[in-house]
Amino acid sequence: MIRKKQTVRLFPKDISGDIFKDRQEVTINWRAGQLVLDEPAFNGGKDIGPDPFTTVLAGLAGCTLTTLRMYIKKKGWDITDIHCSVNMHQQTEPFKTSIFRTLSFGQPVTDEQKERLLWIAVNCPVARLLQGEINIDTRLSDDPTVPAGTGSYPPYI
């Protein structure tokens, strides 16, 4: 049987953001509330929230840890504490970004478990998203209530 490729919208409601005059902080609206993003002081912000790069890396760390937790629970392994560190390096010419991630466990882990946990981490959904092909379709609209990916400008799309 041949499976048809499916394209689905990940969120029923768009994640949206707003920024206002003379401010660097951005209010992000998501399904359960709001989150404030800001730039560090050296970039003109007040550092009252994570910057956009931090949120990308936080998403990777969070997804890695929750995916590992689900797998460990499913396997019934006695691994209670997991630590994930992430950082990134950007090269300007040619433009290239490298993300580094290290995992450690608060309990002894066998080599077999390490091998499987590493595979699970490498294949967590956010890691797959970041390593896959990403296209960003940006449109302009006079109406802030239109769904993401729609708008009246550019007219040729």
N, C-alpha and C. Protein backbone atom coordinates (compact mmCIF):
# COMPACT_ATOMS: atom_id res chain seq x y z
N MET A 1 0.83 -1.17 0.00
CA MET A 1 0.00 0.00 0.00
C MET A 1 0.89 1.25 0.00
N ILE A 2 0.55 2.19 -0.83
CA ILE A 2 1.29 3.45 -0.91
C ILE A 2 0.61 4.47 -0.01
N ARG A 3 1.42 5.08 0.86
CA ARG A 3 0.88 6.11 1.75
C ARG A 3 0.97 7.47 1.09
N LYS A 4 -0.08 8.23 1.20
CA LYS A 4 -0.06 9.59 0.69
C LYS A 4 0.62 10.47 1.74
N LYS A 5 1.44 11.40 1.26
CA LYS A 5 2.06 12.34 2.17
C LYS A 5 1.00 13.27 2.70
N GLN A 6 1.03 13.50 4.00
CA GLN A 6 0.05 14.37 4.62
C GLN A 6 0.71 15.66 5.08
N THR A 7 0.04 16.75 4.86
CA THR A 7 0.48 18.03 5.39
C THR A 7 -0.60 18.48 6.36
N VAL A 8 -0.21 18.66 7.60
CA VAL A 8 -1.17 19.09 8.61
C VAL A 8 -0.63 20.32 9.34
N ARG A 9 -1.54 21.17 9.73
CA ARG A 9 -1.18 22.33 10.55
C ARG A 9 -0.95 21.80 11.96
N LEU A 10 0.19 22.12 12.54
CA LEU A 10 0.57 21.59 13.85
C LEU A 10 -0.27 22.16 14.97
N PHE A 11 -0.67 23.43 14.86
CA PHE A 11 -1.44 24.09 15.92
C PHE A 11 -2.80 24.50 15.40
N PRO A 12 -3.88 24.20 16.14
CA PRO A 12 -5.21 24.63 15.68
C PRO A 12 -5.34 26.15 15.66
N LYS A 13 -4.64 26.83 16.55
CA LYS A 13 -4.67 28.29 16.60
C LYS A 13 -3.24 28.79 16.40
N ASP A 14 -3.08 29.82 15.56
CA ASP A 14 -1.74 30.36 15.28
C ASP A 14 -1.08 30.88 16.55
N ILE A 15 0.22 30.77 16.61
CA ILE A 15 1.02 31.46 17.61
C ILE A 15 1.26 32.84 17.03
N SER A 16 1.00 33.89 17.80
CA SER A 16 1.13 35.25 17.27
C SER A 16 1.99 36.08 18.20
N GLY A 17 2.47 37.19 17.67
CA GLY A 17 3.30 38.08 18.47
C GLY A 17 3.03 39.53 18.14
N ASP A 18 3.28 40.38 19.12
CA ASP A 18 3.10 41.82 18.95
C ASP A 18 4.28 42.56 19.58
N ILE A 19 4.68 43.65 18.94
CA ILE A 19 5.69 44.55 19.48
C ILE A 19 5.15 45.97 19.33
N PHE A 20 5.44 46.81 20.30
CA PHE A 20 4.88 48.16 20.29
C PHE A 20 5.98 49.21 20.27
N LYS A 21 5.58 50.43 19.97
CA LYS A 21 6.48 51.56 19.82
C LYS A 21 7.47 51.68 20.99
N ASP A 22 8.72 51.93 20.63
CA ASP A 22 9.79 52.20 21.59
C ASP A 22 10.05 51.05 22.56
N ARG A 23 9.73 49.84 22.16
CA ARG A 23 9.99 48.68 23.03
C ARG A 23 10.68 47.60 22.23
N GLN A 24 11.52 46.84 22.88
CA GLN A 24 12.16 45.69 22.26
C GLN A 24 11.42 44.39 22.59
N GLU A 25 10.71 44.37 23.72
CA GLU A 25 10.08 43.11 24.12
C GLU A 25 8.88 42.80 23.23
N VAL A 26 8.71 41.53 23.00
CA VAL A 26 7.66 41.01 22.14
C VAL A 26 6.73 40.14 22.99
N THR A 27 5.44 40.35 22.84
CA THR A 27 4.47 39.49 23.53
C THR A 27 4.04 38.40 22.55
N ILE A 28 4.30 37.16 22.93
CA ILE A 28 3.92 36.00 22.12
C ILE A 28 2.66 35.40 22.73
N ASN A 29 1.64 35.21 21.90
CA ASN A 29 0.38 34.59 22.34
C ASN A 29 0.38 33.14 21.86
N TRP A 30 0.17 32.23 22.79
CA TRP A 30 0.12 30.81 22.44
C TRP A 30 -1.12 30.20 23.09
N ARG A 31 -1.36 28.93 22.87
CA ARG A 31 -2.63 28.30 23.25
C ARG A 31 -3.01 28.48 24.72
N ALA A 32 -2.06 28.63 25.63
CA ALA A 32 -2.38 28.68 27.05
C ALA A 32 -2.01 30.00 27.71
N GLY A 33 -1.67 31.01 26.94
CA GLY A 33 -1.33 32.28 27.57
C GLY A 33 -0.37 33.10 26.74
N GLN A 34 0.49 33.81 27.47
CA GLN A 34 1.45 34.70 26.82
C GLN A 34 2.85 34.44 27.33
N LEU A 35 3.81 34.80 26.50
CA LEU A 35 5.23 34.68 26.81
C LEU A 35 5.90 35.96 26.32
N VAL A 36 6.81 36.51 27.11
CA VAL A 36 7.51 37.72 26.71
C VAL A 36 8.90 37.36 26.24
N LEU A 37 9.24 37.80 25.03
CA LEU A 37 10.60 37.66 24.50
C LEU A 37 11.24 39.04 24.55
N ASP A 38 12.52 39.08 24.80
CA ASP A 38 13.22 40.35 24.84
C ASP A 38 14.66 40.12 24.43
N GLU A 39 15.31 41.20 24.10
CA GLU A 39 16.73 41.16 23.76
C GLU A 39 17.55 41.49 25.00
N PRO A 40 18.78 41.01 25.05
CA PRO A 40 19.66 41.41 26.15
C PRO A 40 19.99 42.90 26.04
N ALA A 41 20.48 43.46 27.14
CA ALA A 41 20.77 44.90 27.18
C ALA A 41 21.73 45.33 26.07
N PHE A 42 22.72 44.49 25.75
CA PHE A 42 23.69 44.88 24.71
C PHE A 42 23.06 44.96 23.33
N ASN A 43 21.83 44.44 23.18
CA ASN A 43 21.11 44.54 21.92
C ASN A 43 19.94 45.53 22.01
N GLY A 44 19.91 46.34 23.06
CA GLY A 44 18.88 47.35 23.20
C GLY A 44 17.65 46.93 23.97
N GLY A 45 17.63 45.71 24.50
CA GLY A 45 16.48 45.25 25.27
C GLY A 45 16.70 45.43 26.76
N LYS A 46 15.76 44.89 27.52
CA LYS A 46 15.84 44.95 28.99
C LYS A 46 16.12 43.58 29.59
N ASP A 47 16.22 42.55 28.75
CA ASP A 47 16.50 41.19 29.19
C ASP A 47 15.45 40.66 30.17
N ILE A 48 14.18 41.01 29.91
CA ILE A 48 13.10 40.56 30.81
C ILE A 48 12.48 39.23 30.36
N GLY A 49 13.00 38.69 29.29
CA GLY A 49 12.53 37.41 28.81
C GLY A 49 13.59 36.83 27.90
N PRO A 50 13.45 35.57 27.50
CA PRO A 50 14.43 34.98 26.60
C PRO A 50 14.43 35.66 25.24
N ASP A 51 15.59 35.66 24.60
CA ASP A 51 15.66 36.20 23.24
C ASP A 51 15.22 35.10 22.26
N PRO A 52 14.96 35.44 21.00
CA PRO A 52 14.47 34.44 20.05
C PRO A 52 15.38 33.22 19.87
N PHE A 53 16.69 33.41 19.87
CA PHE A 53 17.59 32.25 19.74
C PHE A 53 17.47 31.33 20.95
N THR A 54 17.34 31.93 22.13
CA THR A 54 17.19 31.13 23.35
C THR A 54 15.92 30.30 23.29
N THR A 55 14.84 30.86 22.74
CA THR A 55 13.59 30.10 22.68
C THR A 55 13.69 28.92 21.71
N VAL A 56 14.44 29.10 20.64
CA VAL A 56 14.64 27.97 19.72
C VAL A 56 15.39 26.85 20.44
N LEU A 57 16.48 27.21 21.11
CA LEU A 57 17.26 26.20 21.82
C LEU A 57 16.48 25.61 23.00
N ALA A 58 15.67 26.44 23.68
CA ALA A 58 14.84 25.94 24.77
C ALA A 58 13.82 24.93 24.25
N GLY A 59 13.28 25.18 23.06
CA GLY A 59 12.36 24.23 22.45
C GLY A 59 13.03 22.90 22.18
N LEU A 60 14.27 22.95 21.72
CA LEU A 60 15.01 21.71 21.47
C LEU A 60 15.29 20.97 22.78
N ALA A 61 15.73 21.69 23.80
CA ALA A 61 16.01 21.06 25.10
C ALA A 61 14.74 20.47 25.69
N GLY A 62 13.66 21.25 25.65
CA GLY A 62 12.39 20.77 26.20
C GLY A 62 11.87 19.54 25.49
N CYS A 63 11.93 19.55 24.17
CA CYS A 63 11.45 18.41 23.39
C CYS A 63 12.33 17.18 23.65
N THR A 64 13.64 17.39 23.70
CA THR A 64 14.56 16.29 23.97
C THR A 64 14.23 15.63 25.30
N LEU A 65 14.08 16.45 26.33
CA LEU A 65 13.84 15.91 27.68
C LEU A 65 12.48 15.23 27.79
N THR A 66 11.43 15.82 27.24
CA THR A 66 10.11 15.18 27.35
C THR A 66 10.02 13.92 26.51
N THR A 67 10.67 13.91 25.35
CA THR A 67 10.68 12.70 24.52
C THR A 67 11.43 11.58 25.23
N LEU A 68 12.58 11.92 25.82
CA LEU A 68 13.33 10.91 26.58
C LEU A 68 12.52 10.40 27.77
N ARG A 69 11.86 11.31 28.48
CA ARG A 69 11.06 10.90 29.64
C ARG A 69 9.97 9.92 29.22
N MET A 70 9.26 10.22 28.13
CA MET A 70 8.21 9.31 27.66
C MET A 70 8.78 7.94 27.31
N TYR A 71 9.95 7.93 26.65
CA TYR A 71 10.55 6.66 26.26
C TYR A 71 11.02 5.87 27.48
N ILE A 72 11.66 6.56 28.42
CA ILE A 72 12.14 5.89 29.63
C ILE A 72 10.97 5.30 30.42
N LYS A 73 9.90 6.05 30.51
CA LYS A 73 8.70 5.56 31.21
C LYS A 73 8.11 4.34 30.51
N LYS A 74 8.05 4.40 29.18
CA LYS A 74 7.52 3.28 28.39
C LYS A 74 8.35 2.01 28.61
N LYS A 75 9.67 2.19 28.70
CA LYS A 75 10.58 1.05 28.89
C LYS A 75 10.62 0.57 30.34
N GLY A 76 10.14 1.42 31.26
CA GLY A 76 10.17 1.05 32.68
C GLY A 76 11.56 1.14 33.29
N TRP A 77 12.43 1.93 32.71
CA TRP A 77 13.79 2.09 33.22
C TRP A 77 13.80 3.02 34.43
N ASP A 78 14.71 2.77 35.35
CA ASP A 78 14.84 3.59 36.55
C ASP A 78 15.85 4.71 36.30
N ILE A 79 15.45 5.65 35.45
CA ILE A 79 16.28 6.82 35.17
C ILE A 79 15.39 8.02 35.50
N THR A 80 15.68 8.67 36.62
CA THR A 80 14.80 9.75 37.07
C THR A 80 15.30 11.13 36.68
N ASP A 81 16.60 11.31 36.63
CA ASP A 81 17.16 12.64 36.38
C ASP A 81 17.88 12.68 35.04
N ILE A 82 17.50 13.67 34.23
CA ILE A 82 18.11 13.86 32.91
C ILE A 82 18.47 15.34 32.80
N HIS A 83 19.64 15.62 32.32
CA HIS A 83 20.08 17.01 32.11
C HIS A 83 20.41 17.17 30.63
N CYS A 84 19.98 18.29 30.04
CA CYS A 84 20.26 18.59 28.64
C CYS A 84 20.83 19.99 28.55
N SER A 85 22.00 20.13 27.95
CA SER A 85 22.62 21.43 27.69
C SER A 85 22.64 21.66 26.20
N VAL A 86 22.29 22.86 25.76
CA VAL A 86 22.32 23.19 24.34
C VAL A 86 22.98 24.56 24.15
N ASN A 87 23.61 24.72 23.01
CA ASN A 87 24.19 26.00 22.64
C ASN A 87 24.34 25.99 21.12
N MET A 88 24.71 27.12 20.57
CA MET A 88 24.85 27.18 19.12
C MET A 88 26.05 28.04 18.75
N HIS A 89 26.53 27.80 17.53
CA HIS A 89 27.63 28.57 16.97
C HIS A 89 27.20 28.99 15.58
N GLN A 90 27.43 30.25 15.26
CA GLN A 90 27.09 30.71 13.91
C GLN A 90 28.33 31.17 13.19
N GLN A 91 28.47 30.69 11.99
CA GLN A 91 29.55 31.08 11.10
C GLN A 91 28.94 32.03 10.06
N THR A 92 29.64 33.12 9.74
CA THR A 92 29.05 34.10 8.83
C THR A 92 29.34 33.84 7.37
N GLU A 93 30.52 33.38 7.04
CA GLU A 93 30.87 33.15 5.63
C GLU A 93 31.45 31.76 5.43
N PRO A 94 30.77 30.84 4.80
CA PRO A 94 29.37 30.90 4.40
C PRO A 94 28.48 30.78 5.64
N PHE A 95 27.27 31.33 5.55
CA PHE A 95 26.37 31.31 6.70
C PHE A 95 26.03 29.88 7.07
N LYS A 96 26.33 29.52 8.31
CA LYS A 96 26.07 28.16 8.79
C LYS A 96 25.86 28.21 10.29
N THR A 97 24.87 27.50 10.77
CA THR A 97 24.59 27.41 12.19
C THR A 97 24.80 25.97 12.64
N SER A 98 25.50 25.79 13.74
CA SER A 98 25.68 24.47 14.35
C SER A 98 25.10 24.52 15.75
N ILE A 99 24.29 23.54 16.08
CA ILE A 99 23.71 23.43 17.42
C ILE A 99 24.37 22.25 18.10
N PHE A 100 24.76 22.49 19.35
CA PHE A 100 25.41 21.47 20.16
C PHE A 100 24.49 21.08 21.31
N ARG A 101 24.39 19.78 21.56
CA ARG A 101 23.51 19.29 22.63
C ARG A 101 24.24 18.18 23.38
N THR A 102 24.22 18.24 24.70
CA THR A 102 24.82 17.20 25.54
C THR A 102 23.81 16.75 26.58
N LEU A 103 23.72 15.45 26.75
CA LEU A 103 22.80 14.86 27.72
C LEU A 103 23.59 14.16 28.81
N SER A 104 23.09 14.22 30.02
CA SER A 104 23.68 13.44 31.11
C SER A 104 22.54 12.93 31.99
N PHE A 105 22.82 11.88 32.71
CA PHE A 105 21.80 11.21 33.51
C PHE A 105 22.26 11.13 34.96
N GLY A 106 21.32 11.27 35.88
CA GLY A 106 21.64 11.26 37.31
C GLY A 106 21.81 9.88 37.89
N GLN A 107 21.53 8.88 37.09
CA GLN A 107 21.67 7.49 37.52
C GLN A 107 22.56 6.76 36.52
N PRO A 108 23.15 5.63 36.95
CA PRO A 108 23.94 4.84 35.99
C PRO A 108 23.06 4.35 34.83
N VAL A 109 23.61 4.42 33.63
CA VAL A 109 22.90 4.01 32.42
C VAL A 109 23.80 3.03 31.68
N THR A 110 23.23 1.90 31.25
CA THR A 110 24.03 0.90 30.54
C THR A 110 24.40 1.41 29.15
N ASP A 111 25.39 0.78 28.53
CA ASP A 111 25.77 1.17 27.17
C ASP A 111 24.61 0.97 26.20
N GLU A 112 23.85 -0.10 26.40
CA GLU A 112 22.70 -0.35 25.54
C GLU A 112 21.66 0.76 25.70
N GLN A 113 21.40 1.18 26.92
CA GLN A 113 20.46 2.27 27.16
C GLN A 113 20.99 3.58 26.57
N LYS A 114 22.29 3.84 26.74
CA LYS A 114 22.89 5.06 26.18
C LYS A 114 22.69 5.12 24.68
N GLU A 115 22.93 4.00 24.01
CA GLU A 115 22.79 3.96 22.55
C GLU A 115 21.35 4.27 22.15
N ARG A 116 20.40 3.68 22.84
CA ARG A 116 18.99 3.89 22.49
C ARG A 116 18.53 5.31 22.84
N LEU A 117 18.96 5.82 24.00
CA LEU A 117 18.58 7.17 24.43
C LEU A 117 19.16 8.23 23.49
N LEU A 118 20.38 7.99 23.03
CA LEU A 118 20.98 8.92 22.06
C LEU A 118 20.16 8.94 20.77
N TRP A 119 19.77 7.77 20.30
CA TRP A 119 18.96 7.69 19.08
C TRP A 119 17.64 8.43 19.27
N ILE A 120 17.00 8.23 20.42
CA ILE A 120 15.72 8.90 20.71
C ILE A 120 15.91 10.41 20.72
N ALA A 121 16.99 10.90 21.37
CA ALA A 121 17.26 12.35 21.44
C ALA A 121 17.49 12.92 20.05
N VAL A 122 18.31 12.26 19.25
CA VAL A 122 18.62 12.73 17.90
C VAL A 122 17.36 12.81 17.05
N ASN A 123 16.39 11.97 17.34
CA ASN A 123 15.17 11.91 16.54
C ASN A 123 13.95 12.51 17.22
N CYS A 124 14.15 13.31 18.26
CA CYS A 124 12.98 13.95 18.88
C CYS A 124 12.36 14.90 17.84
N PRO A 125 11.07 15.19 17.95
CA PRO A 125 10.40 15.98 16.92
C PRO A 125 11.02 17.33 16.60
N VAL A 126 11.47 18.08 17.60
CA VAL A 126 12.05 19.39 17.31
C VAL A 126 13.41 19.24 16.64
N ALA A 127 14.20 18.25 17.04
CA ALA A 127 15.48 18.02 16.36
C ALA A 127 15.24 17.68 14.89
N ARG A 128 14.24 16.86 14.63
CA ARG A 128 13.92 16.51 13.24
C ARG A 128 13.47 17.74 12.46
N LEU A 129 12.68 18.59 13.10
CA LEU A 129 12.24 19.84 12.46
C LEU A 129 13.44 20.70 12.11
N LEU A 130 14.34 20.89 13.06
CA LEU A 130 15.49 21.77 12.84
C LEU A 130 16.47 21.20 11.82
N GLN A 131 16.53 19.88 11.71
CA GLN A 131 17.46 19.25 10.76
C GLN A 131 16.84 19.02 9.39
N GLY A 132 15.54 19.19 9.30
CA GLY A 132 14.85 18.95 8.03
C GLY A 132 14.81 20.19 7.17
N GLU A 133 14.16 20.06 6.05
CA GLU A 133 14.00 21.21 5.15
C GLU A 133 12.90 22.11 5.69
N ILE A 134 13.21 23.37 5.83
CA ILE A 134 12.24 24.34 6.35
C ILE A 134 12.01 25.42 5.31
N ASN A 135 10.76 25.69 5.01
CA ASN A 135 10.39 26.79 4.14
C ASN A 135 9.55 27.76 4.97
N ILE A 136 9.87 29.04 4.88
CA ILE A 136 9.11 30.05 5.61
C ILE A 136 8.37 30.91 4.59
N ASP A 137 7.05 30.81 4.59
CA ASP A 137 6.19 31.55 3.67
C ASP A 137 5.70 32.79 4.41
N THR A 138 6.24 33.95 4.08
CA THR A 138 5.90 35.19 4.76
C THR A 138 5.03 36.05 3.88
N ARG A 139 3.90 36.49 4.39
CA ARG A 139 2.96 37.34 3.67
C ARG A 139 2.69 38.60 4.49
N LEU A 140 2.16 39.61 3.85
CA LEU A 140 1.73 40.83 4.52
C LEU A 140 0.21 40.93 4.43
N SER A 141 -0.39 41.51 5.48
CA SER A 141 -1.84 41.68 5.49
C SER A 141 -2.19 42.94 6.28
N ASP A 142 -3.27 43.60 5.90
CA ASP A 142 -3.79 44.73 6.65
C ASP A 142 -4.62 44.25 7.85
N ASP A 143 -4.94 42.97 7.88
CA ASP A 143 -5.80 42.40 8.92
C ASP A 143 -4.99 41.45 9.81
N PRO A 144 -4.77 41.80 11.09
CA PRO A 144 -3.97 40.94 11.96
C PRO A 144 -4.68 39.63 12.36
N THR A 145 -5.94 39.46 11.97
CA THR A 145 -6.67 38.25 12.36
C THR A 145 -6.62 37.15 11.30
N VAL A 146 -5.98 37.41 10.15
CA VAL A 146 -5.93 36.36 9.13
C VAL A 146 -4.98 35.25 9.57
N PRO A 147 -5.24 34.02 9.15
CA PRO A 147 -4.37 32.91 9.54
C PRO A 147 -2.95 33.07 8.99
N ALA A 148 -1.99 32.48 9.71
CA ALA A 148 -0.60 32.50 9.27
C ALA A 148 -0.51 31.90 7.87
N GLY A 149 0.34 32.51 7.04
CA GLY A 149 0.53 32.02 5.67
C GLY A 149 -0.46 32.58 4.68
N THR A 150 -1.33 33.48 5.12
CA THR A 150 -2.28 34.12 4.21
C THR A 150 -2.06 35.62 4.27
N GLY A 151 -2.56 36.32 3.32
CA GLY A 151 -2.41 37.77 3.27
C GLY A 151 -2.52 38.24 1.84
N SER A 152 -2.54 39.55 1.67
CA SER A 152 -2.76 40.11 0.35
C SER A 152 -1.48 40.51 -0.37
N TYR A 153 -0.34 40.45 0.31
CA TYR A 153 0.90 40.88 -0.33
C TYR A 153 2.00 39.90 0.02
N PRO A 154 2.78 39.42 -0.90
CA PRO A 154 2.82 39.82 -2.31
C PRO A 154 1.65 39.23 -3.09
N PRO A 155 1.18 39.97 -4.09
CA PRO A 155 0.00 39.55 -4.84
C PRO A 155 0.24 38.38 -5.77
N TYR A 156 1.48 38.10 -6.13
CA TYR A 156 1.76 37.07 -7.13
C TYR A 156 1.84 35.66 -6.55
N ILE A 157 1.75 35.49 -5.28
CA ILE A 157 1.86 34.15 -4.70
C ILE A 157 0.50 33.49 -4.63
